[in-house]
Amino acid sequence: MSRDLPPMNALRVFDAAARRLSFTLAAEDLGVTQAAVSHQIRGLEDWLGVALFRRRNKQVFLTEAGQAYAVAVGQSLDQIAEATRALVRSDNKGGVLTLSTMPSFAIKWLVHRLGGFITAYPDMEVRLHTSMELANFSKDGVDLAIRMARSIPADLHADLLLEEDLFPVCAPSLTRGIRPLAEPSDLRHHVLLQDVGISWASWLAPLGLEGIRPQRGPGYLDSALAIQACMEGQGILMGRTVMVEEDLRAGRLVAPFPQRVPSPLKYWLVCPHDHLTRPGVRAFRDWILAQAEEWSQSHPKPP
């Protein structure tokens, strides 16, 4: 044993006695005799060469050195206890995982897949926090976040999760109305819904359609709300593969034109670098990257 480290049992006894300021009550907490506590304290004082307690009229008081040592020992034992609890949770694949993402992504892509992770890790409590705000990992207790961005700052670990294409979508009725959508130039006769953060110019400009001046429709901060308005026939929406795939498959939406362009924004799985040591983070990261790869394989990019 290192000369710099006193016996662990003596430190546990000292911590209990310092908290209770009573050898008798400390003995009750530890399930030992009062004589055993007194013996351990005297042994620790001899080892340190410092008096930790003053004894007076069957009462004990911490010396000035004892007070300072009690704070340090108590904090160290708390850290050991927390590390032990974390290790046990890791071994049992349990614990709490807090994930932050955009509401629309949760509704349209993540939630109906999340049951697979919960089934694989039944002892893991998953807390899904939906917000348009960036996660503040140092304050809000978030373990991982999923966000849309062109790139991620270097101070965060980032895994590229999903890429998608942009293309107009609408309710089926708009392809058969008074002004049917037969070709992109027909967009000038329709209201274009605005999904905030996704510019119509991202699709129009690469196709040389900048001259179209359609009626500008309402803007939506939440993509899921924009999609709902689109399904109700309120206008044409710039669809995104990840967001509209289920509604296209179900026939609630249609893509009137074949032209697609890559979105400049990508989905990223992000967290502070040191979060990767957390068992729950590692488990979820492996799982969702596999889910994303499966999705990408079923949605290959057009040549």
Protein backbone atom coordinates (compact mmCIF):
# COMPACT_ATOMS: atom_id res chain seq x y z
CA MET A 1 0.00 0.00 0.00
CA SER A 2 1.22 3.49 -0.82
CA ARG A 3 2.61 5.42 2.19
CA ASP A 4 0.53 8.40 0.96
CA LEU A 5 -2.80 6.57 1.30
CA PRO A 6 -4.19 5.64 4.75
CA PRO A 7 -6.22 2.44 5.21
CA MET A 8 -9.58 2.81 3.45
CA ASN A 9 -11.55 1.36 6.35
CA ALA A 10 -10.06 3.95 8.71
CA LEU A 11 -11.11 6.72 6.32
CA ARG A 12 -14.68 5.41 6.19
CA VAL A 13 -14.83 5.34 9.98
CA PHE A 14 -13.34 8.84 10.23
CA ASP A 15 -15.88 10.17 7.70
CA ALA A 16 -18.79 8.72 9.69
CA ALA A 17 -17.44 10.04 13.01
CA ALA A 18 -16.76 13.49 11.54
CA ARG A 19 -20.28 13.74 10.16
CA ARG A 20 -21.92 12.60 13.39
CA LEU A 21 -19.41 14.11 15.87
CA SER A 22 -20.03 11.00 17.90
CA PHE A 23 -18.15 7.70 18.01
CA THR A 24 -21.29 6.00 19.30
CA LEU A 25 -23.56 7.22 16.48
CA ALA A 26 -20.85 6.50 13.91
CA ALA A 27 -20.64 2.95 15.24
CA GLU A 28 -24.41 2.56 14.80
CA ASP A 29 -24.20 3.83 11.20
CA LEU A 30 -21.39 1.41 10.39
CA GLY A 31 -22.76 -1.56 12.30
CA VAL A 32 -19.70 -1.92 14.51
CA THR A 33 -18.92 -1.28 18.19
CA GLN A 34 -17.97 2.09 19.65
CA ALA A 35 -14.64 0.57 20.70
CA ALA A 36 -13.93 -0.40 17.06
CA VAL A 37 -14.57 3.18 15.93
CA SER A 38 -12.30 4.58 18.63
CA HIS A 39 -9.58 2.08 17.70
CA GLN A 40 -9.76 3.03 13.98
CA ILE A 41 -9.62 6.76 14.75
CA ARG A 42 -6.61 6.39 17.02
CA GLY A 43 -4.89 4.26 14.40
CA LEU A 44 -5.55 6.91 11.72
CA GLU A 45 -4.24 9.69 13.97
CA ASP A 46 -1.10 7.67 14.68
CA TRP A 47 -0.66 7.02 10.94
CA LEU A 48 -1.04 10.71 10.12
CA GLY A 49 0.82 11.99 13.16
CA VAL A 50 -1.97 14.54 13.60
CA ALA A 51 -4.82 14.81 16.12
CA LEU A 52 -8.16 14.78 14.33
CA PHE A 53 -10.48 14.95 17.35
CA ARG A 54 -10.47 16.58 20.76
CA ARG A 55 -12.11 14.46 23.43
CA ARG A 56 -13.87 16.25 26.28
CA ASN A 57 -16.43 14.97 28.80
CA LYS A 58 -17.39 11.97 26.67
CA GLN A 59 -17.86 14.26 23.64
CA VAL A 60 -15.63 14.61 20.57
CA PHE A 61 -14.87 17.70 18.51
CA LEU A 62 -12.93 18.03 15.28
CA THR A 63 -9.62 19.84 15.51
CA GLU A 64 -8.84 22.47 12.89
CA ALA A 65 -6.81 19.91 10.97
CA GLY A 66 -9.62 17.38 11.41
CA GLN A 67 -12.18 19.78 9.93
CA ALA A 68 -10.12 20.35 6.79
CA TYR A 69 -9.37 16.64 6.43
CA ALA A 70 -13.05 15.72 6.90
CA VAL A 71 -14.06 17.89 3.93
CA ALA A 72 -11.43 16.33 1.66
CA VAL A 73 -12.16 12.76 2.78
CA GLY A 74 -15.93 13.23 2.45
CA GLN A 75 -15.64 14.59 -1.08
CA SER A 76 -13.30 11.79 -2.12
CA LEU A 77 -15.59 9.08 -0.73
CA ASP A 78 -18.57 10.68 -2.51
CA GLN A 79 -16.63 10.59 -5.80
CA ILE A 80 -15.73 6.94 -5.28
CA ALA A 81 -19.38 6.13 -4.50
CA GLU A 82 -20.61 7.91 -7.65
CA ALA A 83 -17.97 6.18 -9.79
CA THR A 84 -19.08 2.85 -8.34
CA ARG A 85 -22.74 3.55 -9.09
CA ALA A 86 -21.84 4.53 -12.66
CA LEU A 87 -19.84 1.33 -13.07
CA VAL A 88 -22.71 -0.78 -11.82
CA ARG A 89 -25.14 0.98 -14.17
CA SER A 90 -22.70 0.38 -17.01
CA ASP A 91 -22.42 -3.31 -16.23
CA ASN A 92 -26.21 -3.61 -16.13
CA LYS A 93 -26.64 -1.57 -19.33
CA GLY A 94 -28.93 0.71 -17.32
CA GLY A 95 -29.05 4.37 -16.50
CA VAL A 96 -30.65 7.43 -18.05
CA LEU A 97 -29.97 8.75 -21.56
CA THR A 98 -31.17 12.25 -22.45
CA LEU A 99 -31.43 12.98 -26.18
CA SER A 100 -32.25 16.36 -27.70
CA THR A 101 -33.59 16.81 -31.23
CA MET A 102 -35.94 18.88 -33.34
CA PRO A 103 -39.68 18.16 -32.86
CA SER A 104 -40.23 17.45 -36.56
CA PHE A 105 -37.38 14.93 -36.76
CA ALA A 106 -38.66 13.17 -33.65
CA ILE A 107 -42.19 12.92 -35.10
CA LYS A 108 -41.32 12.01 -38.66
CA TRP A 109 -38.26 9.77 -38.30
CA LEU A 110 -37.05 8.94 -34.80
CA VAL A 111 -40.01 8.04 -32.58
CA HIS A 112 -41.31 5.05 -34.52
CA ARG A 113 -37.79 3.59 -34.59
CA LEU A 114 -36.95 4.30 -30.95
CA GLY A 115 -38.82 1.25 -29.72
CA GLY A 116 -36.06 -0.90 -31.19
CA PHE A 117 -33.46 0.72 -28.96
CA ILE A 118 -35.68 0.45 -25.88
CA THR A 119 -36.22 -3.25 -26.61
CA ALA A 120 -32.47 -3.83 -26.96
CA TYR A 121 -31.71 -1.90 -23.74
CA PRO A 122 -34.71 -2.41 -21.43
CA ASP A 123 -32.83 -1.08 -18.39
CA MET A 124 -31.98 2.20 -20.14
CA GLU A 125 -34.37 5.07 -19.45
CA VAL A 126 -34.54 7.27 -22.56
CA ARG A 127 -35.62 10.88 -22.14
CA LEU A 128 -36.40 12.61 -25.43
CA HIS A 129 -36.13 16.40 -25.28
CA THR A 130 -37.47 18.22 -28.34
CA SER A 131 -36.36 21.76 -29.04
CA MET A 132 -35.32 24.01 -31.89
CA GLU A 133 -32.59 25.44 -29.68
CA LEU A 134 -29.06 24.08 -29.70
CA ALA A 135 -28.28 21.86 -26.72
CA ASN A 136 -26.24 23.40 -23.92
CA PHE A 137 -24.42 20.28 -22.81
CA SER A 138 -22.88 21.94 -19.74
CA LYS A 139 -26.23 23.07 -18.30
CA ASP A 140 -29.22 21.09 -19.57
CA GLY A 141 -28.10 17.53 -18.84
CA VAL A 142 -28.30 16.41 -22.48
CA ASP A 143 -26.11 13.42 -23.38
CA LEU A 144 -26.55 13.54 -27.17
CA ALA A 145 -28.23 15.83 -29.68
CA ILE A 146 -29.40 15.49 -33.28
CA ARG A 147 -29.31 18.70 -35.30
CA MET A 148 -29.42 19.95 -38.89
CA ALA A 149 -26.42 22.01 -39.99
CA ARG A 150 -23.88 22.44 -42.76
CA SER A 151 -21.06 21.56 -40.36
CA ILE A 152 -20.39 21.14 -36.62
CA PRO A 153 -17.84 23.06 -34.49
CA ALA A 154 -14.63 21.18 -33.75
CA ASP A 155 -15.18 21.31 -29.99
CA LEU A 156 -17.98 18.73 -30.39
CA HIS A 157 -17.80 15.15 -31.60
CA ALA A 158 -20.02 14.80 -34.66
CA ASP A 159 -21.22 11.79 -36.65
CA LEU A 160 -22.86 12.42 -40.01
CA LEU A 161 -26.25 10.79 -39.60
CA LEU A 162 -28.38 11.46 -42.68
CA GLU A 163 -28.32 13.39 -45.96
CA GLU A 164 -31.43 14.18 -47.95
CA ASP A 165 -32.73 15.68 -51.19
CA LEU A 166 -35.03 18.63 -51.73
CA PHE A 167 -38.07 18.48 -54.07
CA PRO A 168 -41.58 19.99 -54.19
CA VAL A 169 -44.45 18.03 -52.67
CA CYS A 170 -48.17 18.72 -52.52
CA ALA A 171 -51.55 17.21 -51.81
CA PRO A 172 -52.70 14.88 -54.64
CA SER A 173 -55.63 17.19 -55.40
CA LEU A 174 -53.31 19.98 -56.57
CA THR A 175 -52.09 17.88 -59.49
CA ARG A 176 -55.65 17.73 -60.84
CA GLY A 177 -57.03 21.21 -60.10
CA ILE A 178 -57.76 24.22 -62.28
CA ARG A 179 -54.01 24.91 -62.39
CA PRO A 180 -52.53 21.38 -62.44
CA LEU A 181 -48.84 20.92 -61.69
CA ALA A 182 -47.52 19.43 -64.90
CA GLU A 183 -44.10 21.11 -65.01
CA PRO A 184 -42.02 23.32 -62.66
CA SER A 185 -43.08 26.55 -64.38
CA ASP A 186 -46.64 25.85 -63.16
CA LEU A 187 -45.46 26.72 -59.65
CA ARG A 188 -46.05 30.39 -60.48
CA HIS A 189 -49.79 29.77 -60.16
CA HIS A 190 -49.59 28.32 -56.65
CA VAL A 191 -48.83 29.31 -53.08
CA LEU A 192 -45.40 28.13 -51.92
CA LEU A 193 -45.33 27.22 -48.24
CA GLN A 194 -42.17 28.25 -46.38
CA ASP A 195 -40.38 25.74 -44.16
CA VAL A 196 -38.11 28.13 -42.27
CA GLY A 197 -34.45 27.28 -42.86
CA ILE A 198 -35.15 25.57 -46.21
CA SER A 199 -35.07 28.03 -49.10
CA TRP A 200 -37.02 27.43 -52.29
CA ALA A 201 -34.02 28.92 -54.07
CA SER A 202 -32.07 25.77 -53.13
CA TRP A 203 -34.23 23.87 -55.63
CA LEU A 204 -35.17 26.57 -58.14
CA ALA A 205 -31.69 28.00 -58.79
CA PRO A 206 -29.89 24.75 -59.82
CA LEU A 207 -32.70 24.08 -62.30
CA GLY A 208 -32.53 27.56 -63.82
CA LEU A 209 -35.99 28.49 -62.52
CA GLU A 210 -35.12 31.70 -60.68
CA GLY A 211 -37.63 33.64 -62.79
CA ILE A 212 -40.61 32.00 -61.14
CA ARG A 213 -42.41 34.48 -58.87
CA PRO A 214 -45.06 32.42 -57.08
CA GLN A 215 -47.27 33.67 -54.27
CA ARG A 216 -45.30 33.41 -51.06
CA GLY A 217 -47.16 31.38 -48.45
CA PRO A 218 -46.95 31.32 -44.66
CA GLY A 219 -43.73 30.28 -42.95
CA TYR A 220 -43.48 27.46 -40.40
CA LEU A 221 -40.77 27.03 -37.77
CA ASP A 222 -41.78 23.38 -37.33
CA SER A 223 -41.46 21.21 -40.44
CA ALA A 224 -44.16 18.83 -39.20
CA LEU A 225 -46.67 21.71 -39.18
CA ALA A 226 -45.60 22.75 -42.66
CA ILE A 227 -46.17 19.20 -43.89
CA GLN A 228 -49.61 19.11 -42.29
CA ALA A 229 -50.58 22.36 -44.06
CA CYS A 230 -49.29 20.90 -47.32
CA MET A 231 -51.34 17.71 -46.91
CA GLU A 232 -54.43 19.88 -46.40
CA GLY A 233 -53.87 21.49 -49.80
CA GLN A 234 -52.84 24.92 -48.54
CA GLY A 235 -49.89 25.12 -50.92
CA ILE A 236 -46.76 23.50 -52.31
CA LEU A 237 -43.95 22.67 -49.89
CA MET A 238 -40.24 22.16 -50.45
CA GLY A 239 -40.11 18.56 -49.30
CA ARG A 240 -37.15 16.86 -47.66
CA THR A 241 -36.61 13.14 -48.08
CA VAL A 242 -36.36 12.35 -44.36
CA MET A 243 -39.44 14.39 -43.48
CA VAL A 244 -41.90 13.38 -46.21
CA GLU A 245 -41.05 9.75 -47.02
CA GLU A 246 -43.85 8.22 -44.94
CA ASP A 247 -46.49 10.62 -46.28
CA LEU A 248 -45.37 9.97 -49.86
CA ARG A 249 -45.55 6.24 -49.28
CA ALA A 250 -49.03 6.55 -47.76
CA GLY A 251 -50.28 8.74 -50.63
CA ARG A 252 -50.98 11.75 -48.43
CA LEU A 253 -48.43 13.68 -50.48
CA VAL A 254 -47.12 13.40 -54.03
CA ALA A 255 -43.98 14.69 -55.74
CA PRO A 256 -45.24 16.27 -58.98
CA PHE A 257 -41.79 16.67 -60.57
CA PRO A 258 -38.86 14.25 -60.82
CA GLN A 259 -36.15 16.88 -60.27
CA ARG A 260 -34.32 16.66 -56.94
CA VAL A 261 -31.31 18.53 -55.54
CA PRO A 262 -29.13 17.71 -52.51
CA SER A 263 -29.97 19.65 -49.37
CA PRO A 264 -27.14 21.88 -48.13
CA LEU A 265 -28.06 20.90 -44.56
CA LYS A 266 -27.28 17.48 -43.06
CA TYR A 267 -28.36 15.66 -39.91
CA TRP A 268 -25.62 15.23 -37.31
CA LEU A 269 -25.37 13.28 -34.08
CA VAL A 270 -23.34 15.49 -31.74
CA CYS A 271 -22.01 15.48 -28.18
CA PRO A 272 -18.98 16.68 -26.21
CA HIS A 273 -15.98 14.43 -26.80
CA ASP A 274 -15.91 13.19 -23.20
CA HIS A 275 -19.54 11.98 -23.43
CA LEU A 276 -18.36 9.15 -25.67
CA THR A 277 -17.07 7.37 -22.55
CA ARG A 278 -20.64 7.06 -21.24
CA PRO A 279 -22.02 3.55 -21.83
CA GLY A 280 -25.50 4.81 -22.74
CA VAL A 281 -24.08 7.27 -25.27
CA ARG A 282 -21.96 4.56 -26.88
CA ALA A 283 -24.92 2.18 -27.07
CA PHE A 284 -27.28 4.75 -28.59
CA ARG A 285 -24.63 6.01 -31.01
CA ASP A 286 -24.00 2.52 -32.35
CA TRP A 287 -27.72 1.85 -32.64
CA ILE A 288 -28.76 5.05 -34.41
CA LEU A 289 -25.81 4.98 -36.81
CA ALA A 290 -26.94 1.50 -37.85
CA GLN A 291 -30.51 2.78 -38.29
CA ALA A 292 -29.27 5.71 -40.39
CA GLU A 293 -27.15 3.42 -42.57
CA GLU A 294 -30.14 1.16 -43.16
CA TRP A 295 -32.26 4.18 -44.14
CA SER A 296 -29.56 5.50 -46.47
CA GLN A 297 -29.22 2.12 -48.18
CA SER A 298 -32.96 2.14 -48.90
CA HIS A 299 -32.81 5.71 -50.23
CA PRO A 300 -29.84 5.73 -52.62
CA LYS A 301 -28.81 8.99 -54.20
CA PRO A 302 -29.86 9.33 -57.85
CA PRO A 303 -26.93 9.09 -60.31
